[in-house]
Amino acid sequence: MNEQEYFIFAELKRDYFEEILDVLMRHFQHVQFGRQGDDWIWIHMDDDKIEIDTFYSEQLEVKGRQIHAKTVKHILQILEKGWILKRFDPPKADLTR
């Protein structure tokens, strides 16, 4: 698996967008978000980011490069279990890129 490839690691329940955002903002410094038809949260890390959005799904998809799998695992650990619809193990290729 190429560490630079993009993957979908999990799906989160869109209904919990505000709660998910609140938790992420307490744990990460550089969080950007918006709600403009689609919901999106970006967690910035150096020159890259982890994306949580509804751009290609009805639910929130947790996406990023394989190199950030450890951070994604941490994100999923700090969220309420009831907010997580599905974890992909192994992660699914993000074919939207």
PDB file of N, CA and C in Angstrom:
ATOM      1  N   MET A   1       0.840  -1.177   0.000  1.00  0.00           N
ATOM      2  CA  MET A   1       0.000   0.000   0.000  1.00  0.00           C
ATOM      3  C   MET A   1       0.886   1.241   0.000  1.00  0.00           C
ATOM      4  N   ASN A   2       0.685   2.117  -0.944  1.00  0.00           N
ATOM      5  CA  ASN A   2       1.463   3.344  -1.070  1.00  0.00           C
ATOM      6  C   ASN A   2       1.003   4.358  -0.022  1.00  0.00           C
ATOM      7  N   GLU A   3       1.931   4.874   0.776  1.00  0.00           N
ATOM      8  CA  GLU A   3       1.586   5.819   1.836  1.00  0.00           C
ATOM      9  C   GLU A   3       1.045   7.148   1.320  1.00  0.00           C
ATOM     10  N   GLN A   4       1.270   7.459   0.045  1.00  0.00           N
ATOM     11  CA  GLN A   4       0.783   8.714  -0.518  1.00  0.00           C
ATOM     12  C   GLN A   4      -0.614   8.586  -1.132  1.00  0.00           C
ATOM     13  N   GLU A   5      -1.114   7.362  -1.262  1.00  0.00           N
ATOM     14  CA  GLU A   5      -2.440   7.151  -1.826  1.00  0.00           C
ATOM     15  C   GLU A   5      -3.516   7.608  -0.848  1.00  0.00           C
ATOM     16  N   TYR A   6      -4.655   8.034  -1.399  1.00  0.00           N
ATOM     17  CA  TYR A   6      -5.786   8.466  -0.590  1.00  0.00           C
ATOM     18  C   TYR A   6      -6.738   7.298  -0.343  1.00  0.00           C
ATOM     19  N   PHE A   7      -7.251   7.235   0.885  1.00  0.00           N
ATOM     20  CA  PHE A   7      -8.154   6.167   1.271  1.00  0.00           C
ATOM     21  C   PHE A   7      -9.331   6.708   2.060  1.00  0.00           C
ATOM     22  N   ILE A   8     -10.395   5.920   2.090  1.00  0.00           N
ATOM     23  CA  ILE A   8     -11.538   6.185   2.952  1.00  0.00           C
ATOM     24  C   ILE A   8     -11.410   5.201   4.113  1.00  0.00           C
ATOM     25  N   PHE A   9     -11.318   5.751   5.309  1.00  0.00           N
ATOM     26  CA  PHE A   9     -11.076   4.932   6.491  1.00  0.00           C
ATOM     27  C   PHE A   9     -12.359   4.563   7.236  1.00  0.00           C
ATOM     28  N   ALA A  10     -13.384   5.432   7.134  1.00  0.00           N
ATOM     29  CA  ALA A  10     -14.608   5.182   7.891  1.00  0.00           C
ATOM     30  C   ALA A  10     -15.735   6.070   7.376  1.00  0.00           C
ATOM     31  N   GLU A  11     -16.947   5.717   7.783  1.00  0.00           N
ATOM     32  CA  GLU A  11     -18.115   6.563   7.557  1.00  0.00           C
ATOM     33  C   GLU A  11     -18.699   6.918   8.911  1.00  0.00           C
ATOM     34  N   LEU A  12     -19.056   8.197   9.069  1.00  0.00           N
ATOM     35  CA  LEU A  12     -19.655   8.695  10.299  1.00  0.00           C
ATOM     36  C   LEU A  12     -21.078   9.157  10.011  1.00  0.00           C
ATOM     37  N   LYS A  13     -21.916   9.152  11.028  1.00  0.00           N
ATOM     38  CA  LYS A  13     -23.302   9.589  10.876  1.00  0.00           C
ATOM     39  C   LYS A  13     -23.356  11.106  10.713  1.00  0.00           C
ATOM     40  N   ARG A  14     -23.886  11.532   9.589  1.00  0.00           N
ATOM     41  CA  ARG A  14     -23.962  12.958   9.275  1.00  0.00           C
ATOM     42  C   ARG A  14     -24.784  13.728  10.311  1.00  0.00           C
ATOM     43  N   ASP A  15     -25.768  13.090  10.912  1.00  0.00           N
ATOM     44  CA  ASP A  15     -26.619  13.758  11.901  1.00  0.00           C
ATOM     45  C   ASP A  15     -25.839  14.268  13.105  1.00  0.00           C
ATOM     46  N   TYR A  16     -24.638  13.755  13.316  1.00  0.00           N
ATOM     47  CA  TYR A  16     -23.820  14.149  14.468  1.00  0.00           C
ATOM     48  C   TYR A  16     -22.694  15.118  14.086  1.00  0.00           C
ATOM     49  N   PHE A  17     -22.857  15.819  12.975  1.00  0.00           N
ATOM     50  CA  PHE A  17     -21.820  16.740  12.487  1.00  0.00           C
ATOM     51  C   PHE A  17     -21.357  17.697  13.590  1.00  0.00           C
ATOM     52  N   GLU A  18     -22.285  18.372  14.246  1.00  0.00           N
ATOM     53  CA  GLU A  18     -21.928  19.376  15.269  1.00  0.00           C
ATOM     54  C   GLU A  18     -21.151  18.746  16.425  1.00  0.00           C
ATOM     55  N   GLU A  19     -21.581  17.591  16.875  1.00  0.00           N
ATOM     56  CA  GLU A  19     -20.917  16.915  17.980  1.00  0.00           C
ATOM     57  C   GLU A  19     -19.517  16.450  17.575  1.00  0.00           C
ATOM     58  N   ILE A  20     -19.410  15.908  16.373  1.00  0.00           N
ATOM     59  CA  ILE A  20     -18.101  15.465  15.853  1.00  0.00           C
ATOM     60  C   ILE A  20     -17.159  16.652  15.759  1.00  0.00           C
ATOM     61  N   LEU A  21     -17.654  17.756  15.195  1.00  0.00           N
ATOM     62  CA  LEU A  21     -16.846  18.970  15.068  1.00  0.00           C
ATOM     63  C   LEU A  21     -16.376  19.456  16.431  1.00  0.00           C
ATOM     64  N   ASP A  22     -17.263  19.469  17.411  1.00  0.00           N
ATOM     65  CA  ASP A  22     -16.906  19.931  18.754  1.00  0.00           C
ATOM     66  C   ASP A  22     -15.766  19.105  19.342  1.00  0.00           C
ATOM     67  N   VAL A  23     -15.858  17.783  19.229  1.00  0.00           N
ATOM     68  CA  VAL A  23     -14.801  16.906  19.752  1.00  0.00           C
ATOM     69  C   VAL A  23     -13.485  17.161  19.024  1.00  0.00           C
ATOM     70  N   LEU A  24     -13.539  17.250  17.709  1.00  0.00           N
ATOM     71  CA  LEU A  24     -12.310  17.447  16.929  1.00  0.00           C
ATOM     72  C   LEU A  24     -11.650  18.787  17.233  1.00  0.00           C
ATOM     73  N   MET A  25     -12.455  19.829  17.438  1.00  0.00           N
ATOM     74  CA  MET A  25     -11.889  21.147  17.743  1.00  0.00           C
ATOM     75  C   MET A  25     -11.228  21.178  19.122  1.00  0.00           C
ATOM     76  N   ARG A  26     -11.657  20.303  20.025  1.00  0.00           N
ATOM     77  CA  ARG A  26     -11.019  20.223  21.345  1.00  0.00           C
ATOM     78  C   ARG A  26      -9.707  19.450  21.298  1.00  0.00           C
ATOM     79  N   HIS A  27      -9.521  18.609  20.270  1.00  0.00           N
ATOM     80  CA  HIS A  27      -8.329  17.759  20.205  1.00  0.00           C
ATOM     81  C   HIS A  27      -7.287  18.194  19.170  1.00  0.00           C
ATOM     82  N   PHE A  28      -7.688  19.007  18.221  1.00  0.00           N
ATOM     83  CA  PHE A  28      -6.770  19.418  17.155  1.00  0.00           C
ATOM     84  C   PHE A  28      -6.779  20.935  17.027  1.00  0.00           C
ATOM     85  N   GLN A  29      -5.615  21.503  16.747  1.00  0.00           N
ATOM     86  CA  GLN A  29      -5.470  22.957  16.657  1.00  0.00           C
ATOM     87  C   GLN A  29      -6.009  23.546  15.373  1.00  0.00           C
ATOM     88  N   HIS A  30      -5.739  22.902  14.262  1.00  0.00           N
ATOM     89  CA  HIS A  30      -6.041  23.496  12.961  1.00  0.00           C
ATOM     90  C   HIS A  30      -7.196  22.757  12.290  1.00  0.00           C
ATOM     91  N   VAL A  31      -8.418  23.201  12.621  1.00  0.00           N
ATOM     92  CA  VAL A  31      -9.620  22.587  12.076  1.00  0.00           C
ATOM     93  C   VAL A  31     -10.394  23.637  11.298  1.00  0.00           C
ATOM     94  N   GLN A  32     -10.751  23.289  10.092  1.00  0.00           N
ATOM     95  CA  GLN A  32     -11.559  24.139   9.226  1.00  0.00           C
ATOM     96  C   GLN A  32     -12.841  23.371   8.942  1.00  0.00           C
ATOM     97  N   PHE A  33     -13.975  24.079   8.779  1.00  0.00           N
ATOM     98  CA  PHE A  33     -15.225  23.367   8.541  1.00  0.00           C
ATOM     99  C   PHE A  33     -16.220  24.247   7.806  1.00  0.00           C
ATOM    100  N   GLY A  34     -17.255  23.613   7.278  1.00  0.00           N
ATOM    101  CA  GLY A  34     -18.309  24.347   6.607  1.00  0.00           C
ATOM    102  C   GLY A  34     -19.530  23.482   6.384  1.00  0.00           C
ATOM    103  N   ARG A  35     -20.644  24.171   6.148  1.00  0.00           N
ATOM    104  CA  ARG A  35     -21.909  23.497   5.850  1.00  0.00           C
ATOM    105  C   ARG A  35     -22.562  24.300   4.734  1.00  0.00           C
ATOM    106  N   GLN A  36     -22.391  23.837   3.514  1.00  0.00           N
ATOM    107  CA  GLN A  36     -22.908  24.570   2.351  1.00  0.00           C
ATOM    108  C   GLN A  36     -23.563  23.583   1.394  1.00  0.00           C
ATOM    109  N   GLY A  37     -24.607  22.918   1.840  1.00  0.00           N
ATOM    110  CA  GLY A  37     -25.175  21.828   1.061  1.00  0.00           C
ATOM    111  C   GLY A  37     -24.479  20.536   1.427  1.00  0.00           C
ATOM    112  N   ASP A  38     -23.170  20.561   1.404  1.00  0.00           N
ATOM    113  CA  ASP A  38     -22.360  19.454   1.909  1.00  0.00           C
ATOM    114  C   ASP A  38     -21.770  19.882   3.251  1.00  0.00           C
ATOM    115  N   ASP A  39     -21.477  18.895   4.079  1.00  0.00           N
ATOM    116  CA  ASP A  39     -20.803  19.154   5.351  1.00  0.00           C
ATOM    117  C   ASP A  39     -19.349  18.743   5.195  1.00  0.00           C
ATOM    118  N   TRP A  40     -18.431  19.540   5.740  1.00  0.00           N
ATOM    119  CA  TRP A  40     -17.021  19.175   5.633  1.00  0.00           C
ATOM    120  C   TRP A  40     -16.229  19.686   6.830  1.00  0.00           C
ATOM    121  N   ILE A  41     -15.247  18.897   7.205  1.00  0.00           N
ATOM    122  CA  ILE A  41     -14.291  19.226   8.261  1.00  0.00           C
ATOM    123  C   ILE A  41     -12.918  18.836   7.735  1.00  0.00           C
ATOM    124  N   TRP A  42     -11.983  19.752   7.830  1.00  0.00           N
ATOM    125  CA  TRP A  42     -10.604  19.456   7.458  1.00  0.00           C
ATOM    126  C   TRP A  42      -9.735  19.618   8.692  1.00  0.00           C
ATOM    127  N   ILE A  43      -8.944  18.610   8.977  1.00  0.00           N
ATOM    128  CA  ILE A  43      -7.973  18.670  10.062  1.00  0.00           C
ATOM    129  C   ILE A  43      -6.598  18.811   9.413  1.00  0.00           C
ATOM    130  N   HIS A  44      -6.027  19.999   9.542  1.00  0.00           N
ATOM    131  CA  HIS A  44      -4.756  20.306   8.887  1.00  0.00           C
ATOM    132  C   HIS A  44      -3.583  19.807   9.715  1.00  0.00           C
ATOM    133  N   MET A  45      -2.610  19.232   9.008  1.00  0.00           N
ATOM    134  CA  MET A  45      -1.388  18.728   9.620  1.00  0.00           C
ATOM    135  C   MET A  45      -0.233  19.089   8.692  1.00  0.00           C
ATOM    136  N   ASP A  46       0.629  19.950   9.136  1.00  0.00           N
ATOM    137  CA  ASP A  46       1.764  20.405   8.330  1.00  0.00           C
ATOM    138  C   ASP A  46       1.284  20.798   6.934  1.00  0.00           C
ATOM    139  N   ASP A  47       1.709  20.081   5.904  1.00  0.00           N
ATOM    140  CA  ASP A  47       1.332  20.450   4.538  1.00  0.00           C
ATOM    141  C   ASP A  47       0.267  19.504   3.968  1.00  0.00           C
ATOM    142  N   ASP A  48      -0.517  18.876   4.828  1.00  0.00           N
ATOM    143  CA  ASP A  48      -1.523  17.916   4.393  1.00  0.00           C
ATOM    144  C   ASP A  48      -2.753  18.048   5.284  1.00  0.00           C
ATOM    145  N   LYS A  49      -3.780  17.222   5.044  1.00  0.00           N
ATOM    146  CA  LYS A  49      -4.968  17.273   5.877  1.00  0.00           C
ATOM    147  C   LYS A  49      -5.713  15.946   5.821  1.00  0.00           C
ATOM    148  N   ILE A  50      -6.524  15.737   6.852  1.00  0.00           N
ATOM    149  CA  ILE A  50      -7.489  14.648   6.876  1.00  0.00           C
ATOM    150  C   ILE A  50      -8.836  15.296   6.611  1.00  0.00           C
ATOM    151  N   GLU A  51      -9.610  14.690   5.738  1.00  0.00           N
ATOM    152  CA  GLU A  51     -10.887  15.256   5.321  1.00  0.00           C
ATOM    153  C   GLU A  51     -12.029  14.394   5.845  1.00  0.00           C
ATOM    154  N   ILE A  52     -13.036  15.054   6.372  1.00  0.00           N
ATOM    155  CA  ILE A  52     -14.260  14.382   6.794  1.00  0.00           C
ATOM    156  C   ILE A  52     -15.382  15.145   6.099  1.00  0.00           C
ATOM    157  N   ASP A  53     -16.017  14.517   5.111  1.00  0.00           N
ATOM    158  CA  ASP A  53     -16.990  15.279   4.330  1.00  0.00           C
ATOM    159  C   ASP A  53     -18.068  14.397   3.697  1.00  0.00           C
ATOM    160  N   THR A  54     -19.058  15.091   3.119  1.00  0.00           N
ATOM    161  CA  THR A  54     -20.160  14.423   2.428  1.00  0.00           C
ATOM    162  C   THR A  54     -20.118  14.703   0.927  1.00  0.00           C
ATOM    163  N   PHE A  55     -18.964  15.039   0.399  1.00  0.00           N
ATOM    164  CA  PHE A  55     -18.874  15.416  -1.012  1.00  0.00           C
ATOM    165  C   PHE A  55     -19.288  14.296  -1.963  1.00  0.00           C
ATOM    166  N   TYR A  56     -19.020  13.045  -1.599  1.00  0.00           N
ATOM    167  CA  TYR A  56     -19.330  11.914  -2.479  1.00  0.00           C
ATOM    168  C   TYR A  56     -20.168  10.855  -1.775  1.00  0.00           C
ATOM    169  N   SER A  57     -20.793  11.213  -0.661  1.00  0.00           N
ATOM    170  CA  SER A  57     -21.547  10.247   0.116  1.00  0.00           C
ATOM    171  C   SER A  57     -22.648  10.965   0.888  1.00  0.00           C
ATOM    172  N   GLU A  58     -23.691  10.233   1.249  1.00  0.00           N
ATOM    173  CA  GLU A  58     -24.751  10.793   2.095  1.00  0.00           C
ATOM    174  C   GLU A  58     -24.265  10.953   3.536  1.00  0.00           C
ATOM    175  N   GLN A  59     -23.305  10.142   3.927  1.00  0.00           N
ATOM    176  CA  GLN A  59     -22.751  10.200   5.279  1.00  0.00           C
ATOM    177  C   GLN A  59     -21.365  10.849   5.230  1.00  0.00           C
ATOM    178  N   LEU A  60     -20.820  11.160   6.377  1.00  0.00           N
ATOM    179  CA  LEU A  60     -19.480  11.756   6.451  1.00  0.00           C
ATOM    180  C   LEU A  60     -18.423  10.677   6.217  1.00  0.00           C
ATOM    181  N   GLU A  61     -17.569  10.886   5.245  1.00  0.00           N
ATOM    182  CA  GLU A  61     -16.467   9.957   4.979  1.00  0.00           C
ATOM    183  C   GLU A  61     -15.187  10.526   5.573  1.00  0.00           C
ATOM    184  N   VAL A  62     -14.436   9.680   6.262  1.00  0.00           N
ATOM    185  CA  VAL A  62     -13.144  10.065   6.827  1.00  0.00           C
ATOM    186  C   VAL A  62     -12.088   9.632   5.820  1.00  0.00           C
ATOM    187  N   LYS A  63     -11.389  10.631   5.218  1.00  0.00           N
ATOM    188  CA  LYS A  63     -10.474  10.356   4.110  1.00  0.00           C
ATOM    189  C   LYS A  63      -9.118  11.004   4.342  1.00  0.00           C
ATOM    190  N   GLY A  64      -8.116  10.389   3.756  1.00  0.00           N
ATOM    191  CA  GLY A  64      -6.788  10.963   3.825  1.00  0.00           C
ATOM    192  C   GLY A  64      -5.767  10.007   3.232  1.00  0.00           C
ATOM    193  N   ARG A  65      -4.540  10.435   3.289  1.00  0.00           N
ATOM    194  CA  ARG A  65      -3.452   9.591   2.781  1.00  0.00           C
ATOM    195  C   ARG A  65      -3.158   8.470   3.766  1.00  0.00           C
ATOM    196  N   GLN A  66      -2.709   7.362   3.265  1.00  0.00           N
ATOM    197  CA  GLN A  66      -2.364   6.200   4.098  1.00  0.00           C
ATOM    198  C   GLN A  66      -1.326   6.569   5.157  1.00  0.00           C
ATOM    199  N   ILE A  67      -0.459   7.501   4.848  1.00  0.00           N
ATOM    200  CA  ILE A  67       0.585   7.912   5.791  1.00  0.00           C
ATOM    201  C   ILE A  67      -0.004   8.469   7.096  1.00  0.00           C
ATOM    202  N   HIS A  68      -1.261   8.913   7.051  1.00  0.00           N
ATOM    203  CA  HIS A  68      -1.916   9.488   8.238  1.00  0.00           C
ATOM    204  C   HIS A  68      -2.856   8.501   8.929  1.00  0.00           C
ATOM    205  N   ALA A  69      -2.715   7.222   8.650  1.00  0.00           N
ATOM    206  CA  ALA A  69      -3.600   6.201   9.226  1.00  0.00           C
ATOM    207  C   ALA A  69      -3.585   6.226  10.756  1.00  0.00           C
ATOM    208  N   LYS A  70      -2.446   6.496  11.362  1.00  0.00           N
ATOM    209  CA  LYS A  70      -2.361   6.524  12.819  1.00  0.00           C
ATOM    210  C   LYS A  70      -3.203   7.675  13.390  1.00  0.00           C
ATOM    211  N   THR A  71      -3.169   8.826  12.738  1.00  0.00           N
ATOM    212  CA  THR A  71      -3.977   9.967  13.183  1.00  0.00           C
ATOM    213  C   THR A  71      -5.460   9.672  12.999  1.00  0.00           C
ATOM    214  N   VAL A  72      -5.817   9.036  11.889  1.00  0.00           N
ATOM    215  CA  VAL A  72      -7.213   8.670  11.660  1.00  0.00           C
ATOM    216  C   VAL A  72      -7.675   7.700  12.745  1.00  0.00           C
ATOM    217  N   LYS A  73      -6.849   6.758  13.100  1.00  0.00           N
ATOM    218  CA  LYS A  73      -7.190   5.811  14.170  1.00  0.00           C
ATOM    219  C   LYS A  73      -7.454   6.556  15.474  1.00  0.00           C
ATOM    220  N   HIS A  74      -6.624   7.551  15.763  1.00  0.00           N
ATOM    221  CA  HIS A  74      -6.813   8.377  16.960  1.00  0.00           C
ATOM    222  C   HIS A  74      -8.149   9.121  16.887  1.00  0.00           C
ATOM    223  N   ILE A  75      -8.461   9.690  15.726  1.00  0.00           N
ATOM    224  CA  ILE A  75      -9.737  10.398  15.541  1.00  0.00           C
ATOM    225  C   ILE A  75     -10.898   9.464  15.856  1.00  0.00           C
ATOM    226  N   LEU A  76     -10.862   8.274  15.307  1.00  0.00           N
ATOM    227  CA  LEU A  76     -11.957   7.331  15.520  1.00  0.00           C
ATOM    228  C   LEU A  76     -12.050   6.886  16.978  1.00  0.00           C
ATOM    229  N   GLN A  77     -10.940   6.886  17.686  1.00  0.00           N
ATOM    230  CA  GLN A  77     -10.948   6.507  19.101  1.00  0.00           C
ATOM    231  C   GLN A  77     -11.568   7.586  19.987  1.00  0.00           C
ATOM    232  N   ILE A  78     -11.421   8.855  19.611  1.00  0.00           N
ATOM    233  CA  ILE A  78     -11.947   9.929  20.464  1.00  0.00           C
ATOM    234  C   ILE A  78     -13.415  10.234  20.181  1.00  0.00           C
ATOM    235  N   LEU A  79     -13.959   9.709  19.092  1.00  0.00           N
ATOM    236  CA  LEU A  79     -15.373   9.928  18.773  1.00  0.00           C
ATOM    237  C   LEU A  79     -16.238   8.888  19.478  1.00  0.00           C
ATOM    238  N   GLU A  80     -17.481   9.256  19.728  1.00  0.00           N
ATOM    239  CA  GLU A  80     -18.443   8.321  20.320  1.00  0.00           C
ATOM    240  C   GLU A  80     -18.657   7.152  19.363  1.00  0.00           C
ATOM    241  N   LYS A  81     -18.699   5.968  19.889  1.00  0.00           N
ATOM    242  CA  LYS A  81     -18.877   4.769  19.045  1.00  0.00           C
ATOM    243  C   LYS A  81     -20.176   4.833  18.241  1.00  0.00           C
ATOM    244  N   GLY A  82     -21.226   5.417  18.806  1.00  0.00           N
ATOM    245  CA  GLY A  82     -22.513   5.517  18.128  1.00  0.00           C
ATOM    246  C   GLY A  82     -22.515   6.448  16.929  1.00  0.00           C
ATOM    247  N   TRP A  83     -21.477   7.266  16.781  1.00  0.00           N
ATOM    248  CA  TRP A  83     -21.380   8.180  15.641  1.00  0.00           C
ATOM    249  C   TRP A  83     -20.732   7.508  14.439  1.00  0.00           C
ATOM    250  N   ILE A  84     -20.082   6.374  14.655  1.00  0.00           N
ATOM    251  CA  ILE A  84     -19.348   5.678  13.591  1.00  0.00           C
ATOM    252  C   ILE A  84     -20.266   4.631  12.965  1.00  0.00           C
ATOM    253  N   LEU A  85     -20.540   4.798  11.674  1.00  0.00           N
ATOM    254  CA  LEU A  85     -21.364   3.826  10.947  1.00  0.00           C
ATOM    255  C   LEU A  85     -20.561   2.593  10.569  1.00  0.00           C
ATOM    256  N   LYS A  86     -19.363   2.843  10.023  1.00  0.00           N
ATOM    257  CA  LYS A  86     -18.570   1.749   9.465  1.00  0.00           C
ATOM    258  C   LYS A  86     -17.101   2.129   9.446  1.00  0.00           C
ATOM    259  N   ARG A  87     -16.256   1.184   9.819  1.00  0.00           N
ATOM    260  CA  ARG A  87     -14.798   1.322   9.663  1.00  0.00           C
ATOM    261  C   ARG A  87     -14.387   0.401   8.524  1.00  0.00           C
ATOM    262  N   PHE A  88     -13.505   0.877   7.681  1.00  0.00           N
ATOM    263  CA  PHE A  88     -13.021   0.057   6.578  1.00  0.00           C
ATOM    264  C   PHE A  88     -11.640  -0.479   6.949  1.00  0.00           C
ATOM    265  N   ASP A  89     -11.551  -1.798   7.088  1.00  0.00           N
ATOM    266  CA  ASP A  89     -10.282  -2.417   7.446  1.00  0.00           C
ATOM    267  C   ASP A  89     -10.076  -3.628   6.527  1.00  0.00           C
ATOM    268  N   PRO A  90      -9.248  -3.494   5.530  1.00  0.00           N
ATOM    269  CA  PRO A  90      -8.377  -2.355   5.209  1.00  0.00           C
ATOM    270  C   PRO A  90      -9.186  -1.198   4.637  1.00  0.00           C
ATOM    271  N   PRO A  91      -8.596   0.001   4.650  1.00  0.00           N
ATOM    272  CA  PRO A  91      -9.287   1.176   4.110  1.00  0.00           C
ATOM    273  C   PRO A  91      -9.588   0.993   2.610  1.00  0.00           C
ATOM    274  N   LYS A  92     -10.661   1.665   2.181  1.00  0.00           N
ATOM    275  CA  LYS A  92     -11.064   1.636   0.772  1.00  0.00           C
ATOM    276  C   LYS A  92     -10.310   2.693  -0.003  1.00  0.00           C
ATOM    277  N   ALA A  93      -9.919   2.370  -1.206  1.00  0.00           N
ATOM    278  CA  ALA A  93      -9.282   3.371  -2.070  1.00  0.00           C
ATOM    279  C   ALA A  93     -10.259   4.501  -2.329  1.00  0.00           C
ATOM    280  N   ASP A  94      -9.782   5.732  -2.270  1.00  0.00           N
ATOM    281  CA  ASP A  94     -10.597   6.899  -2.596  1.00  0.00           C
ATOM    282  C   ASP A  94     -10.482   7.144  -4.087  1.00  0.00           C
ATOM    283  N   LEU A  95     -11.459   6.691  -4.832  1.00  0.00           N
ATOM    284  CA  LEU A  95     -11.417   6.762  -6.298  1.00  0.00           C
ATOM    285  C   LEU A  95     -11.864   8.104  -6.846  1.00  0.00           C
ATOM    286  N   THR A  96     -12.151   9.073  -5.964  1.00  0.00           N
ATOM    287  CA  THR A  96     -12.591  10.386  -6.414  1.00  0.00           C
ATOM    288  C   THR A  96     -11.419  11.298  -6.765  1.00  0.00           C
ATOM    289  N   ARG A  97     -10.210  10.848  -6.562  1.00  0.00           N
ATOM    290  CA  ARG A  97      -9.039  11.694  -6.819  1.00  0.00           C
ATOM    291  C   ARG A  97      -8.403  11.387  -8.142  1.00  0.00           C
TER     292      ARG A  97
END
